[in-house]
PDB file of N, CA and C in Angstrom:
ATOM      1  N   UNK A   1       0.922  -1.261  -0.110  1.00  0.00           N
ATOM      2  CA  UNK A   1       0.178  -0.083   0.199  1.00  0.00           C
ATOM      3  C   UNK A   1       0.785   1.154   0.176  1.00  0.00           C
ATOM      4  N   UNK A   2       0.538   2.152  -0.922  1.00  0.00           N
ATOM      5  CA  UNK A   2       1.564   3.139  -1.358  1.00  0.00           C
ATOM      6  C   UNK A   2       0.498   4.116  -0.973  1.00  0.00           C
ATOM      7  N   UNK A   3       0.901   5.213   0.393  1.00  0.00           N
ATOM      8  CA  UNK A   3       0.400   6.038   1.364  1.00  0.00           C
ATOM      9  C   UNK A   3       1.420   7.167   1.286  1.00  0.00           C
ATOM     10  N   UNK A   4       0.615   8.457   0.628  1.00  0.00           N
ATOM     11  CA  UNK A   4       1.715   9.696   0.518  1.00  0.00           C
ATOM     12  C   UNK A   4       1.287  10.328   1.611  1.00  0.00           C
ATOM     13  N   UNK A   5       2.008  10.950   2.346  1.00  0.00           N
ATOM     14  CA  UNK A   5       1.424  11.606   3.466  1.00  0.00           C
ATOM     15  C   UNK A   5       2.398  13.120   3.560  1.00  0.00           C
ATOM     16  N   UNK A   6       1.304  14.351   3.449  1.00  0.00           N
ATOM     17  CA  UNK A   6       2.121  15.383   3.670  1.00  0.00           C
ATOM     18  C   UNK A   6       3.182  15.844   4.949  1.00  0.00           C
ATOM     19  N   UNK A   7       4.407  15.997   4.710  1.00  0.00           N
ATOM     20  CA  UNK A   7       5.315  16.130   5.944  1.00  0.00           C
ATOM     21  C   UNK A   7       5.978  17.659   5.541  1.00  0.00           C
ATOM     22  N   UNK A   8       5.852  18.488   6.889  1.00  0.00           N
ATOM     23  CA  UNK A   8       7.100  19.829   6.419  1.00  0.00           C
ATOM     24  C   UNK A   8       8.327  19.403   6.837  1.00  0.00           C
ATOM     25  N   UNK A   9       8.835  20.477   6.135  1.00  0.00           N
ATOM     26  CA  UNK A   9      10.356  19.998   6.153  1.00  0.00           C
ATOM     27  C   UNK A   9      11.052  20.442   7.121  1.00  0.00           C
ATOM     28  N   UNK A  10      12.128  19.977   7.930  1.00  0.00           N
ATOM     29  CA  UNK A  10      12.491  20.529   9.023  1.00  0.00           C
ATOM     30  C   UNK A  10      13.644  21.353   8.711  1.00  0.00           C
ATOM     31  N   UNK A  11      13.837  22.573   9.229  1.00  0.00           N
ATOM     32  CA  UNK A  11      14.752  23.362   9.119  1.00  0.00           C
ATOM     33  C   UNK A  11      15.812  22.805   9.371  1.00  0.00           C
ATOM     34  N   UNK A  12      17.107  23.863   8.964  1.00  0.00           N
ATOM     35  CA  UNK A  12      18.899  23.524   9.599  1.00  0.00           C
ATOM     36  C   UNK A  12      18.705  23.474  10.507  1.00  0.00           C
ATOM     37  N   UNK A  13      17.936  24.475  11.558  1.00  0.00           N
ATOM     38  CA  UNK A  13      18.333  24.575  13.027  1.00  0.00           C
ATOM     39  C   UNK A  13      17.215  23.525  13.856  1.00  0.00           C
ATOM     40  N   UNK A  14      16.533  22.725  13.489  1.00  0.00           N
ATOM     41  CA  UNK A  14      15.843  21.617  13.873  1.00  0.00           C
ATOM     42  C   UNK A  14      16.212  20.554  13.499  1.00  0.00           C
ATOM     43  N   UNK A  15      17.374  20.234  12.612  1.00  0.00           N
ATOM     44  CA  UNK A  15      18.120  19.333  12.476  1.00  0.00           C
ATOM     45  C   UNK A  15      19.510  19.291  13.247  1.00  0.00           C
ATOM     46  N   UNK A  16      20.127  20.650  13.267  1.00  0.00           N
ATOM     47  CA  UNK A  16      21.153  20.593  14.271  1.00  0.00           C
ATOM     48  C   UNK A  16      20.593  20.372  15.596  1.00  0.00           C
ATOM     49  N   UNK A  17      19.781  20.585  16.122  1.00  0.00           N
ATOM     50  CA  UNK A  17      19.190  20.210  17.371  1.00  0.00           C
ATOM     51  C   UNK A  17      18.879  18.861  17.368  1.00  0.00           C
ATOM     52  N   UNK A  18      18.076  18.408  16.381  1.00  0.00           N
ATOM     53  CA  UNK A  18      17.973  16.778  16.973  1.00  0.00           C
ATOM     54  C   UNK A  18      19.335  16.306  16.708  1.00  0.00           C
ATOM     55  N   UNK A  19      20.553  16.524  15.798  1.00  0.00           N
ATOM     56  CA  UNK A  19      21.709  16.003  16.164  1.00  0.00           C
ATOM     57  C   UNK A  19      22.370  16.123  17.514  1.00  0.00           C
ATOM     58  N   UNK A  20      22.395  16.890  17.584  1.00  0.00           N
ATOM     59  CA  UNK A  20      22.808  17.286  18.851  1.00  0.00           C
ATOM     60  C   UNK A  20      22.300  16.645  20.105  1.00  0.00           C
ATOM     61  N   UNK A  21      21.169  16.512  20.139  1.00  0.00           N
ATOM     62  CA  UNK A  21      20.425  16.019  21.314  1.00  0.00           C
ATOM     63  C   UNK A  21      20.529  14.289  21.357  1.00  0.00           C
ATOM     64  N   UNK A  22      20.819  13.759  20.192  1.00  0.00           N
ATOM     65  CA  UNK A  22      20.859  12.057  19.505  1.00  0.00           C
ATOM     66  C   UNK A  22      22.317  12.379  20.339  1.00  0.00           C
ATOM     67  N   UNK A  23      23.212  13.175  20.148  1.00  0.00           N
ATOM     68  CA  UNK A  23      24.831  12.914  20.183  1.00  0.00           C
ATOM     69  C   UNK A  23      25.071  12.598  22.001  1.00  0.00           C
ATOM     70  N   UNK A  24      24.358  13.004  22.632  1.00  0.00           N
ATOM     71  CA  UNK A  24      24.480  13.022  24.194  1.00  0.00           C
ATOM     72  C   UNK A  24      24.264  11.567  24.586  1.00  0.00           C
ATOM     73  N   UNK A  25      25.258  10.714  25.414  1.00  0.00           N
ATOM     74  CA  UNK A  25      25.196   9.969  25.809  1.00  0.00           C
ATOM     75  C   UNK A  25      24.053   8.803  25.981  1.00  0.00           C
ATOM     76  N   UNK A  26      23.539   9.008  27.211  1.00  0.00           N
ATOM     77  CA  UNK A  26      22.089   8.171  27.702  1.00  0.00           C
ATOM     78  C   UNK A  26      20.537   9.052  26.988  1.00  0.00           C
ATOM     79  N   UNK A  27      20.569  10.011  27.419  1.00  0.00           N
ATOM     80  CA  UNK A  27      19.501  10.877  26.543  1.00  0.00           C
ATOM     81  C   UNK A  27      19.317  10.898  24.781  1.00  0.00           C
ATOM     82  N   UNK A  28      20.446  10.660  24.469  1.00  0.00           N
ATOM     83  CA  UNK A  28      20.429  10.844  23.231  1.00  0.00           C
ATOM     84  C   UNK A  28      19.709   9.083  22.734  1.00  0.00           C
ATOM     85  N   UNK A  29      20.243   8.399  23.080  1.00  0.00           N
ATOM     86  CA  UNK A  29      19.910   6.846  22.909  1.00  0.00           C
ATOM     87  C   UNK A  29      17.992   6.576  23.144  1.00  0.00           C
ATOM     88  N   UNK A  30      17.717   7.528  24.280  1.00  0.00           N
ATOM     89  CA  UNK A  30      16.174   6.865  24.609  1.00  0.00           C
ATOM     90  C   UNK A  30      15.734   7.890  23.758  1.00  0.00           C
ATOM     91  N   UNK A  31      16.243   9.580  23.363  1.00  0.00           N
ATOM     92  CA  UNK A  31      15.377   9.862  22.182  1.00  0.00           C
ATOM     93  C   UNK A  31      15.359   9.604  20.696  1.00  0.00           C
ATOM     94  N   UNK A  32      16.278   9.202  20.468  1.00  0.00           N
ATOM     95  CA  UNK A  32      16.199   8.082  18.991  1.00  0.00           C
ATOM     96  C   UNK A  32      15.323   7.462  19.316  1.00  0.00           C
ATOM     97  N   UNK A  33      15.117   6.175  19.985  1.00  0.00           N
ATOM     98  CA  UNK A  33      13.755   5.472  20.065  1.00  0.00           C
ATOM     99  C   UNK A  33      12.739   6.387  20.349  1.00  0.00           C
ATOM    100  N   UNK A  34      12.625   6.899  20.824  1.00  0.00           N
ATOM    101  CA  UNK A  34      11.116   7.916  21.070  1.00  0.00           C
ATOM    102  C   UNK A  34      10.917   8.305  20.031  1.00  0.00           C
ATOM    103  N   UNK A  35      11.709   9.018  18.402  1.00  0.00           N
ATOM    104  CA  UNK A  35      11.588   9.387  17.561  1.00  0.00           C
ATOM    105  C   UNK A  35      11.869   8.390  16.532  1.00  0.00           C
ATOM    106  N   UNK A  36      12.057   7.050  16.735  1.00  0.00           N
ATOM    107  CA  UNK A  36      11.877   5.989  15.777  1.00  0.00           C
ATOM    108  C   UNK A  36      10.594   5.592  15.609  1.00  0.00           C
ATOM    109  N   UNK A  37      10.009   5.329  17.054  1.00  0.00           N
ATOM    110  CA  UNK A  37       8.672   4.528  16.987  1.00  0.00           C
ATOM    111  C   UNK A  37       7.539   5.531  17.670  1.00  0.00           C
ATOM    112  N   UNK A  38       7.616   6.718  17.685  1.00  0.00           N
ATOM    113  CA  UNK A  38       6.505   7.566  18.192  1.00  0.00           C
ATOM    114  C   UNK A  38       5.230   8.202  16.952  1.00  0.00           C
ATOM    115  N   UNK A  39       4.017   7.929  16.735  1.00  0.00           N
ATOM    116  CA  UNK A  39       3.395   8.046  15.635  1.00  0.00           C
ATOM    117  C   UNK A  39       3.407   9.526  15.531  1.00  0.00           C
ATOM    118  N   UNK A  40       3.781  10.248  16.098  1.00  0.00           N
ATOM    119  CA  UNK A  40       3.653  11.993  16.565  1.00  0.00           C
ATOM    120  C   UNK A  40       5.112  12.416  15.582  1.00  0.00           C
ATOM    121  N   UNK A  41       5.857  11.556  15.483  1.00  0.00           N
ATOM    122  CA  UNK A  41       7.049  12.263  14.920  1.00  0.00           C
ATOM    123  C   UNK A  41       7.141  12.845  13.440  1.00  0.00           C
ATOM    124  N   UNK A  42       7.608  13.532  13.019  1.00  0.00           N
ATOM    125  CA  UNK A  42       7.777  13.714  11.467  1.00  0.00           C
ATOM    126  C   UNK A  42       8.576  12.712  10.674  1.00  0.00           C
ATOM    127  N   UNK A  43       7.953  12.167   9.406  1.00  0.00           N
ATOM    128  CA  UNK A  43       8.427  11.467   8.791  1.00  0.00           C
ATOM    129  C   UNK A  43       9.688  11.033   8.149  1.00  0.00           C
ATOM    130  N   UNK A  44      10.414  12.457   8.405  1.00  0.00           N
ATOM    131  CA  UNK A  44      12.053  12.801   7.566  1.00  0.00           C
ATOM    132  C   UNK A  44      12.685  12.104   9.492  1.00  0.00           C
ATOM    133  N   UNK A  45      12.390  12.794  10.170  1.00  0.00           N
ATOM    134  CA  UNK A  45      12.938  12.801  11.528  1.00  0.00           C
ATOM    135  C   UNK A  45      12.988  11.025  12.023  1.00  0.00           C
ATOM    136  N   UNK A  46      11.803  10.449  11.933  1.00  0.00           N
ATOM    137  CA  UNK A  46      11.250   8.896  12.016  1.00  0.00           C
ATOM    138  C   UNK A  46      12.166   7.978  11.012  1.00  0.00           C
ATOM    139  N   UNK A  47      12.432   8.308  10.226  1.00  0.00           N
ATOM    140  CA  UNK A  47      13.176   7.589   8.648  1.00  0.00           C
ATOM    141  C   UNK A  47      14.664   7.647   9.431  1.00  0.00           C
ATOM    142  N   UNK A  48      15.180   8.875   9.975  1.00  0.00           N
ATOM    143  CA  UNK A  48      17.073   9.260  10.108  1.00  0.00           C
ATOM    144  C   UNK A  48      16.981   8.415  11.840  1.00  0.00           C
ATOM    145  N   UNK A  49      16.082   8.522  12.527  1.00  0.00           N
ATOM    146  CA  UNK A  49      16.055   7.834  13.788  1.00  0.00           C
ATOM    147  C   UNK A  49      16.169   6.081  13.454  1.00  0.00           C
ATOM    148  N   UNK A  50      15.459   6.023  12.664  1.00  0.00           N
ATOM    149  CA  UNK A  50      15.611   4.418  12.548  1.00  0.00           C
ATOM    150  C   UNK A  50      17.028   3.775  11.841  1.00  0.00           C
ATOM    151  N   UNK A  51      17.125   4.549  10.992  1.00  0.00           N
ATOM    152  CA  UNK A  51      18.219   4.414  10.221  1.00  0.00           C
ATOM    153  C   UNK A  51      19.469   4.734  11.346  1.00  0.00           C
ATOM    154  N   UNK A  52      19.644   5.772  12.141  1.00  0.00           N
ATOM    155  CA  UNK A  52      20.394   6.293  13.279  1.00  0.00           C
ATOM    156  C   UNK A  52      20.613   4.539  13.952  1.00  0.00           C
ATOM    157  N   UNK A  53      19.672   4.047  14.077  1.00  0.00           N
ATOM    158  CA  UNK A  53      19.274   3.011  15.437  1.00  0.00           C
ATOM    159  C   UNK A  53      20.177   1.411  15.080  1.00  0.00           C
ATOM    160  N   UNK A  54      20.007   1.625  13.230  1.00  0.00           N
ATOM    161  CA  UNK A  54      20.510   0.516  12.681  1.00  0.00           C
ATOM    162  C   UNK A  54      21.953   0.370  12.397  1.00  0.00           C
ATOM    163  N   UNK A  55      22.565   1.654  12.459  1.00  0.00           N
ATOM    164  CA  UNK A  55      23.724   2.223  12.391  1.00  0.00           C
ATOM    165  C   UNK A  55      24.553   1.498  13.989  1.00  0.00           C
ATOM    166  N   UNK A  56      23.655   1.943  14.929  1.00  0.00           N
ATOM    167  CA  UNK A  56      24.173   1.931  16.135  1.00  0.00           C
ATOM    168  C   UNK A  56      24.220   0.187  16.511  1.00  0.00           C
ATOM    169  N   UNK A  57      23.095  -0.619  15.998  1.00  0.00           N
ATOM    170  CA  UNK A  57      22.948  -1.487  16.501  1.00  0.00           C
ATOM    171  C   UNK A  57      24.816  -2.540  15.646  1.00  0.00           C
ATOM    172  N   UNK A  58      24.655  -1.898  14.405  1.00  0.00           N
ATOM    173  CA  UNK A  58      25.923  -2.516  13.406  1.00  0.00           C
ATOM    174  C   UNK A  58      26.975  -2.412  14.213  1.00  0.00           C
ATOM    175  N   UNK A  59      27.247  -1.103  14.579  1.00  0.00           N
ATOM    176  CA  UNK A  59      28.623  -0.683  15.434  1.00  0.00           C
ATOM    177  C   UNK A  59      28.627  -1.491  16.722  1.00  0.00           C
ATOM    178  N   UNK A  60      27.503  -1.499  17.244  1.00  0.00           N
ATOM    179  CA  UNK A  60      27.412  -2.470  18.521  1.00  0.00           C
ATOM    180  C   UNK A  60      27.970  -3.593  18.264  1.00  0.00           C
ATOM    181  N   UNK A  61      27.565  -4.518  17.136  1.00  0.00           N
ATOM    182  CA  UNK A  61      27.580  -5.871  16.614  1.00  0.00           C
ATOM    183  C   UNK A  61      29.493  -5.929  16.572  1.00  0.00           C
ATOM    184  N   UNK A  62      29.829  -5.026  15.453  1.00  0.00           N
ATOM    185  CA  UNK A  62      31.042  -4.975  15.432  1.00  0.00           C
ATOM    186  C   UNK A  62      32.256  -4.736  16.467  1.00  0.00           C
ATOM    187  N   UNK A  63      31.176  -4.047  17.399  1.00  0.00           N
ATOM    188  CA  UNK A  63      32.646  -3.561  18.816  1.00  0.00           C
ATOM    189  C   UNK A  63      32.952  -5.316  19.466  1.00  0.00           C
ATOM    190  N   UNK A  64      31.602  -5.729  19.453  1.00  0.00           N
ATOM    191  CA  UNK A  64      31.531  -7.152  20.515  1.00  0.00           C
ATOM    192  C   UNK A  64      32.483  -8.138  19.731  1.00  0.00           C
ATOM    193  N   UNK A  65      32.351  -8.155  18.389  1.00  0.00           N
ATOM    194  CA  UNK A  65      33.195  -8.893  17.617  1.00  0.00           C
ATOM    195  C   UNK A  65      34.587  -8.748  17.871  1.00  0.00           C
ATOM    196  N   UNK A  66      35.041  -7.670  17.861  1.00  0.00           N
ATOM    197  CA  UNK A  66      36.762  -7.229  17.967  1.00  0.00           C
ATOM    198  C   UNK A  66      36.731  -7.512  19.191  1.00  0.00           C
ATOM    199  N   UNK A  67      35.791  -7.167  20.413  1.00  0.00           N
ATOM    200  CA  UNK A  67      36.078  -7.879  21.726  1.00  0.00           C
ATOM    201  C   UNK A  67      36.507  -8.845  21.982  1.00  0.00           C
ATOM    202  N   UNK A  68      35.793  -9.959  21.640  1.00  0.00           N
ATOM    203  CA  UNK A  68      36.026 -11.090  21.971  1.00  0.00           C
ATOM    204  C   UNK A  68      36.973 -11.713  21.269  1.00  0.00           C
ATOM    205  N   UNK A  69      37.287 -11.179  19.669  1.00  0.00           N
ATOM    206  CA  UNK A  69      38.553 -11.301  19.169  1.00  0.00           C
ATOM    207  C   UNK A  69      40.005 -11.439  19.528  1.00  0.00           C
ATOM    208  N   UNK A  70      40.219 -10.301  19.759  1.00  0.00           N
ATOM    209  CA  UNK A  70      41.266  -9.550  20.314  1.00  0.00           C
ATOM    210  C   UNK A  70      41.026  -9.821  21.912  1.00  0.00           C
ATOM    211  N   UNK A  71      40.250  -9.852  22.938  1.00  0.00           N
ATOM    212  CA  UNK A  71      40.384 -10.338  24.240  1.00  0.00           C
ATOM    213  C   UNK A  71      40.522 -11.910  23.956  1.00  0.00           C
ATOM    214  N   UNK A  72      40.427 -12.613  23.220  1.00  0.00           N
ATOM    215  CA  UNK A  72      40.769 -14.304  23.096  1.00  0.00           C
ATOM    216  C   UNK A  72      42.143 -14.308  22.463  1.00  0.00           C
ATOM    217  N   UNK A  73      42.610 -13.325  21.426  1.00  0.00           N
ATOM    218  CA  UNK A  73      43.922 -13.210  21.316  1.00  0.00           C
ATOM    219  C   UNK A  73      45.066 -13.300  22.890  1.00  0.00           C
ATOM    220  N   UNK A  74      44.320 -11.594  23.882  1.00  0.00           N
ATOM    221  CA  UNK A  74      45.017 -11.723  24.503  1.00  0.00           C
ATOM    222  C   UNK A  74      45.218 -12.989  25.674  1.00  0.00           C
ATOM    223  N   UNK A  75      44.181 -13.319  25.641  1.00  0.00           N
ATOM    224  CA  UNK A  75      43.809 -14.400  26.442  1.00  0.00           C
ATOM    225  C   UNK A  75      44.799 -15.790  26.150  1.00  0.00           C
ATOM    226  N   UNK A  76      45.195 -15.823  25.177  1.00  0.00           N
ATOM    227  CA  UNK A  76      45.666 -17.076  24.273  1.00  0.00           C
ATOM    228  C   UNK A  76      47.314 -16.676  24.725  1.00  0.00           C
ATOM    229  N   UNK A  77      47.632 -15.222  24.264  1.00  0.00           N
ATOM    230  CA  UNK A  77      48.978 -15.119  24.649  1.00  0.00           C
ATOM    231  C   UNK A  77      49.500 -14.975  26.038  1.00  0.00           C
ATOM    232  N   UNK A  78      48.874 -14.801  26.973  1.00  0.00           N
ATOM    233  CA  UNK A  78      48.648 -14.855  28.438  1.00  0.00           C
ATOM    234  C   UNK A  78      49.140 -16.564  28.556  1.00  0.00           C
ATOM    235  N   UNK A  79      48.397 -17.331  28.215  1.00  0.00           N
ATOM    236  CA  UNK A  79      48.281 -18.596  28.599  1.00  0.00           C
ATOM    237  C   UNK A  79      49.624 -19.241  27.824  1.00  0.00           C
ATOM    238  N   UNK A  80      50.143 -18.860  27.332  1.00  0.00           N
ATOM    239  CA  UNK A  80      51.722 -19.065  26.243  1.00  0.00           C
ATOM    240  C   UNK A  80      52.215 -18.617  26.654  1.00  0.00           C
ATOM    241  N   UNK A  81      52.501 -17.607  27.926  1.00  0.00           N
ATOM    242  CA  UNK A  81      53.863 -17.208  28.564  1.00  0.00           C
ATOM    243  C   UNK A  81      53.489 -17.803  29.979  1.00  0.00           C
TER     244      UNK A  81
END
């Protein structure tokens, strides 16, 4: 189903504030979650928030892979000596 809804364009000031708030450590994650799944959020901000959450998930998975990989190598190096 293709539904087109009219949306207002966000100004540069609104985007700057959005990105600034999203960059705050814990509050930013909560805000991005709210923006991604709230029905009253403008569609362009909602899509940006969903994309940001996807990137956060990818970065988290990559960080865990590297942590386990290099942590395991360090553990093996410690056992060898």
